[in-house]
């Protein structure tokens, strides 16, 4: 899974490893964080490997999948697209660089990784893809036009790919977290949290539990779905 060195990604990696999946913990720069996740998984009896790669690089999908297949000796049948960045600003002052950086990381990279994953999954007639979107893709948040566009695009991508591959035993779903207690949302104000019906931030583990379900055999008839984990924010 991508972007797994901390926060939501780390929680998902640990949850999937607990279910017996060998996990590739992808990171771009936080090597120490990724290795801590791998160590935690190993300490619990699971299997994991840290994989450095910038998902924006067009060659990253082949590199990551090749290293995983070599390490674990099996095809990759689960992909979690979690890597994401934000570059917030109001639209009149949002620069091209900030726009492109977010679209490339949060949307284009997920498309490329999905395309690569499907090569293996279609042959196996089995697979699970889970895209980590955001409540911002469903509900406007001023100052995040680039992030919202990327996350909404990820939802559309999810639904379209799900329909394309449903007959081949592959499911494609999205999880849309709201305000989750991570480093990425550390600056969320109490005023914003007051807009959440549950009146609190969520935890990475609560998001991971939903991904864990979507990857499981019990979710084999769930595809093209968007599961919000937001305390009622998008209701």
Protein backbone atom coordinates (compact mmCIF):
# COMPACT_ATOMS: atom_id res chain seq x y z
CA UNK A 1 0.00 0.00 0.00
CA UNK A 2 1.13 3.53 -0.74
CA UNK A 3 1.83 6.25 1.79
CA UNK A 4 2.03 3.80 4.67
CA UNK A 5 4.76 5.21 6.91
CA UNK A 6 2.43 7.04 9.30
CA UNK A 7 -1.14 8.01 10.13
CA UNK A 8 -3.96 6.32 8.25
CA UNK A 9 -1.59 4.39 5.99
CA UNK A 10 0.35 2.89 8.89
CA UNK A 11 -2.88 1.85 10.62
CA UNK A 12 -4.15 0.17 7.45
CA UNK A 13 -0.85 -1.65 6.94
CA UNK A 14 -0.98 -3.05 10.47
CA UNK A 15 -4.64 -4.06 10.12
CA UNK A 16 -4.09 -5.94 6.85
CA UNK A 17 -0.99 -7.64 8.22
CA UNK A 18 -3.05 -8.81 11.21
CA UNK A 19 -5.33 -10.58 8.72
CA UNK A 20 -2.37 -12.45 7.27
CA UNK A 21 -1.58 -10.30 4.24
CA UNK A 22 2.11 -9.68 3.48
CA UNK A 23 2.34 -5.91 3.26
CA UNK A 24 4.48 -3.56 1.23
CA UNK A 25 4.89 -0.35 3.24
CA UNK A 26 5.55 2.32 0.65
CA UNK A 27 7.09 5.65 1.60
CA UNK A 28 8.63 8.60 -0.23
CA UNK A 29 10.85 10.23 2.42
CA UNK A 30 9.93 8.92 5.89
CA UNK A 31 12.15 5.86 5.98
CA UNK A 32 12.25 5.75 9.78
CA UNK A 33 8.46 5.79 9.96
CA UNK A 34 8.12 3.01 7.41
CA UNK A 35 10.66 0.86 9.21
CA UNK A 36 8.80 1.37 12.49
CA UNK A 37 5.62 0.13 10.83
CA UNK A 38 7.45 -2.90 9.43
CA UNK A 39 8.95 -3.64 12.85
CA UNK A 40 5.56 -3.39 14.55
CA UNK A 41 4.09 -5.81 12.02
CA UNK A 42 7.01 -8.22 12.45
CA UNK A 43 6.70 -8.05 16.24
CA UNK A 44 3.08 -9.15 15.87
CA UNK A 45 4.05 -12.11 13.70
CA UNK A 46 3.24 -10.55 10.34
CA UNK A 47 5.26 -10.02 7.18
CA UNK A 48 6.11 -6.62 5.75
CA UNK A 49 8.76 -4.78 3.80
CA UNK A 50 9.48 -1.05 3.48
CA UNK A 51 9.52 0.17 -0.12
CA UNK A 52 10.89 3.58 -1.05
CA UNK A 53 9.33 5.13 -4.14
CA UNK A 54 7.76 8.40 -5.19
CA UNK A 55 4.39 7.36 -6.58
CA UNK A 56 4.41 10.39 -8.90
CA UNK A 57 7.20 8.73 -10.89
CA UNK A 58 5.60 6.92 -13.87
CA UNK A 59 8.00 4.02 -13.30
CA UNK A 60 6.98 3.55 -9.67
CA UNK A 61 4.16 1.02 -10.24
CA UNK A 62 6.35 -1.49 -12.07
CA UNK A 63 9.15 -0.98 -9.57
CA UNK A 64 6.93 -1.47 -6.53
CA UNK A 65 5.05 -4.48 -7.86
CA UNK A 66 8.25 -6.13 -9.07
CA UNK A 67 9.93 -5.75 -5.69
CA UNK A 68 6.87 -7.07 -3.86
CA UNK A 69 6.52 -10.10 -6.10
CA UNK A 70 10.22 -10.88 -5.69
CA UNK A 71 10.13 -10.43 -1.91
CA UNK A 72 7.02 -12.48 -1.19
CA UNK A 73 7.03 -14.85 -4.16
CA UNK A 74 3.40 -14.23 -5.06
CA UNK A 75 1.21 -11.92 -7.09
CA UNK A 76 -0.11 -8.72 -5.59
CA UNK A 77 -3.88 -9.07 -5.20
CA UNK A 78 -4.58 -6.14 -2.89
CA UNK A 79 -3.83 -2.49 -3.60
CA UNK A 80 -4.57 0.37 -1.23
CA UNK A 81 -3.98 3.79 -2.78
CA UNK A 82 -3.38 6.01 0.23
CA UNK A 83 -0.52 8.32 -0.78
CA UNK A 84 -1.64 11.92 -0.72
CA UNK A 85 -0.53 15.50 -0.16
CA UNK A 86 -2.27 18.83 0.23
CA UNK A 87 -1.21 22.30 -0.89
CA UNK A 88 -4.00 24.50 0.39
CA UNK A 89 -4.86 27.99 -0.82
CA UNK A 90 -7.90 29.88 -2.04
CA UNK A 91 -8.53 29.46 -5.76
CA UNK A 92 -7.59 33.04 -6.82
CA UNK A 93 -4.08 32.55 -5.44
CA UNK A 94 -3.66 28.81 -6.00
CA UNK A 95 -0.64 28.31 -8.26
CA UNK A 96 -0.20 25.86 -11.12
CA UNK A 97 2.53 24.05 -9.20
CA UNK A 98 0.29 23.53 -6.16
CA UNK A 99 -2.52 22.33 -8.40
CA UNK A 100 -0.39 19.88 -10.35
CA UNK A 101 1.46 18.50 -7.33
CA UNK A 102 -1.78 17.47 -5.63
CA UNK A 103 -3.46 16.09 -8.76
CA UNK A 104 -0.34 14.12 -9.70
CA UNK A 105 0.11 12.58 -6.25
CA UNK A 106 -3.48 12.06 -5.14
CA UNK A 107 -5.12 11.08 -8.44
CA UNK A 108 -2.76 10.33 -11.32
CA UNK A 109 -0.52 8.08 -9.23
CA UNK A 110 -3.54 6.11 -8.03
CA UNK A 111 -4.62 5.60 -11.65
CA UNK A 112 -1.21 4.32 -12.68
CA UNK A 113 -0.96 1.95 -9.72
CA UNK A 114 -4.49 0.69 -10.37
CA UNK A 115 -3.68 0.07 -14.03
CA UNK A 116 -0.59 -1.93 -13.04
CA UNK A 117 -2.42 -3.90 -10.36
CA UNK A 118 -5.17 -4.92 -12.76
CA UNK A 119 -2.71 -6.69 -15.05
CA UNK A 120 -2.15 -9.27 -12.32
CA UNK A 121 -5.67 -9.27 -10.90
CA UNK A 122 -7.36 -9.84 -14.25
CA UNK A 123 -5.22 -12.90 -14.88
CA UNK A 124 -5.98 -14.22 -11.39
CA UNK A 125 -9.68 -13.30 -11.64
CA UNK A 126 -9.39 -11.96 -8.11
CA UNK A 127 -8.33 -8.76 -6.39
CA UNK A 128 -9.17 -5.89 -4.10
CA UNK A 129 -8.48 -2.22 -4.73
CA UNK A 130 -9.30 0.38 -2.09
CA UNK A 131 -8.78 4.07 -2.78
CA UNK A 132 -8.47 6.46 0.14
CA UNK A 133 -10.42 9.55 -0.90
CA UNK A 134 -11.74 12.22 1.46
CA UNK A 135 -14.95 13.80 2.67
CA UNK A 136 -13.65 16.89 0.85
CA UNK A 137 -14.44 15.06 -2.39
CA UNK A 138 -18.08 15.05 -1.30
CA UNK A 139 -18.40 18.26 0.70
CA UNK A 140 -16.83 21.62 -0.12
CA UNK A 141 -13.99 22.91 2.03
CA UNK A 142 -12.74 26.39 1.04
CA UNK A 143 -9.06 26.55 0.26
CA UNK A 144 -8.82 23.01 -1.07
CA UNK A 145 -9.90 23.20 -4.71
CA UNK A 146 -6.94 21.08 -5.84
CA UNK A 147 -7.37 18.49 -3.08
CA UNK A 148 -11.13 18.33 -3.59
CA UNK A 149 -10.76 17.88 -7.35
CA UNK A 150 -8.25 15.06 -6.85
CA UNK A 151 -10.33 13.28 -4.23
CA UNK A 152 -13.57 13.65 -6.18
CA UNK A 153 -11.77 12.35 -9.25
CA UNK A 154 -10.62 9.38 -7.22
CA UNK A 155 -14.25 8.57 -6.42
CA UNK A 156 -15.19 8.70 -10.09
CA UNK A 157 -12.20 6.54 -10.97
CA UNK A 158 -13.25 4.03 -8.31
CA UNK A 159 -16.77 3.67 -9.66
CA UNK A 160 -15.72 3.43 -13.29
CA UNK A 161 -13.02 0.81 -12.75
CA UNK A 162 -15.34 -1.17 -10.46
CA UNK A 163 -17.88 -1.51 -13.27
CA UNK A 164 -15.20 -2.44 -15.79
CA UNK A 165 -13.80 -5.37 -13.78
CA UNK A 166 -16.74 -6.57 -11.68
CA UNK A 167 -17.21 -9.76 -13.72
CA UNK A 168 -13.61 -10.76 -13.13
CA UNK A 169 -13.83 -11.21 -9.37
CA UNK A 170 -12.19 -7.86 -8.62
CA UNK A 171 -13.71 -5.24 -6.35
CA UNK A 172 -12.83 -1.56 -6.36
CA UNK A 173 -14.06 0.63 -3.53
CA UNK A 174 -13.27 3.93 -1.85
CA UNK A 175 -13.08 5.09 1.73
CA UNK A 176 -13.68 8.79 2.37
CA UNK A 177 -12.33 9.84 5.77
CA UNK A 178 -13.38 13.07 7.40
CA UNK A 179 -11.36 14.79 10.11
CA UNK A 180 -9.00 12.06 11.31
CA UNK A 181 -6.47 12.66 14.08
CA UNK A 182 -3.22 12.60 12.08
CA UNK A 183 -0.35 14.95 11.36
CA UNK A 184 -2.07 16.05 8.16
CA UNK A 185 -5.03 17.42 10.13
CA UNK A 186 -3.14 18.75 13.14
CA UNK A 187 -4.18 22.31 12.36
CA UNK A 188 -7.93 21.61 12.25
CA UNK A 189 -9.67 24.17 14.42
CA UNK A 190 -12.25 23.48 17.10
CA UNK A 191 -14.70 25.45 14.95
CA UNK A 192 -14.31 22.92 12.15
CA UNK A 193 -14.62 19.98 14.53
CA UNK A 194 -17.84 21.53 15.85
CA UNK A 195 -19.31 20.98 12.37
CA UNK A 196 -18.86 17.22 12.78
CA UNK A 197 -22.07 15.69 14.16
CA UNK A 198 -20.04 13.24 16.26
CA UNK A 199 -18.20 16.23 17.78
CA UNK A 200 -14.79 14.58 17.58
CA UNK A 201 -12.07 13.62 15.16
CA UNK A 202 -11.83 10.02 14.02
CA UNK A 203 -8.85 7.73 14.51
CA UNK A 204 -6.65 6.08 11.89
CA UNK A 205 -7.72 2.72 13.30
CA UNK A 206 -11.37 3.49 12.54
CA UNK A 207 -10.48 4.10 8.91
CA UNK A 208 -8.32 0.96 8.84
CA UNK A 209 -11.23 -1.15 10.09
CA UNK A 210 -13.28 -0.13 7.05
CA UNK A 211 -10.46 -0.94 4.64
CA UNK A 212 -9.99 -4.27 6.41
CA UNK A 213 -13.63 -5.11 5.68
CA UNK A 214 -13.48 -4.06 2.03
CA UNK A 215 -10.42 -6.26 1.48
CA UNK A 216 -12.04 -9.25 3.18
CA UNK A 217 -13.92 -12.13 1.57
CA UNK A 218 -17.07 -10.90 3.31
CA UNK A 219 -17.03 -7.83 1.04
CA UNK A 220 -16.90 -9.80 -2.21
CA UNK A 221 -20.26 -8.35 -3.36
CA UNK A 222 -19.34 -4.77 -2.43
CA UNK A 223 -17.86 -2.85 -5.35
CA UNK A 224 -18.05 0.71 -6.60
CA UNK A 225 -18.96 1.82 -3.09
CA UNK A 226 -17.86 4.91 -1.18
CA UNK A 227 -17.68 4.33 2.55
CA UNK A 228 -17.56 7.59 4.50
CA UNK A 229 -15.73 7.56 7.84
CA UNK A 230 -16.51 11.07 8.96
CA UNK A 231 -18.69 11.16 12.06
CA UNK A 232 -21.66 12.24 9.92
CA UNK A 233 -19.98 15.25 8.30
CA UNK A 234 -21.17 14.42 4.78
CA UNK A 235 -24.62 13.20 5.81
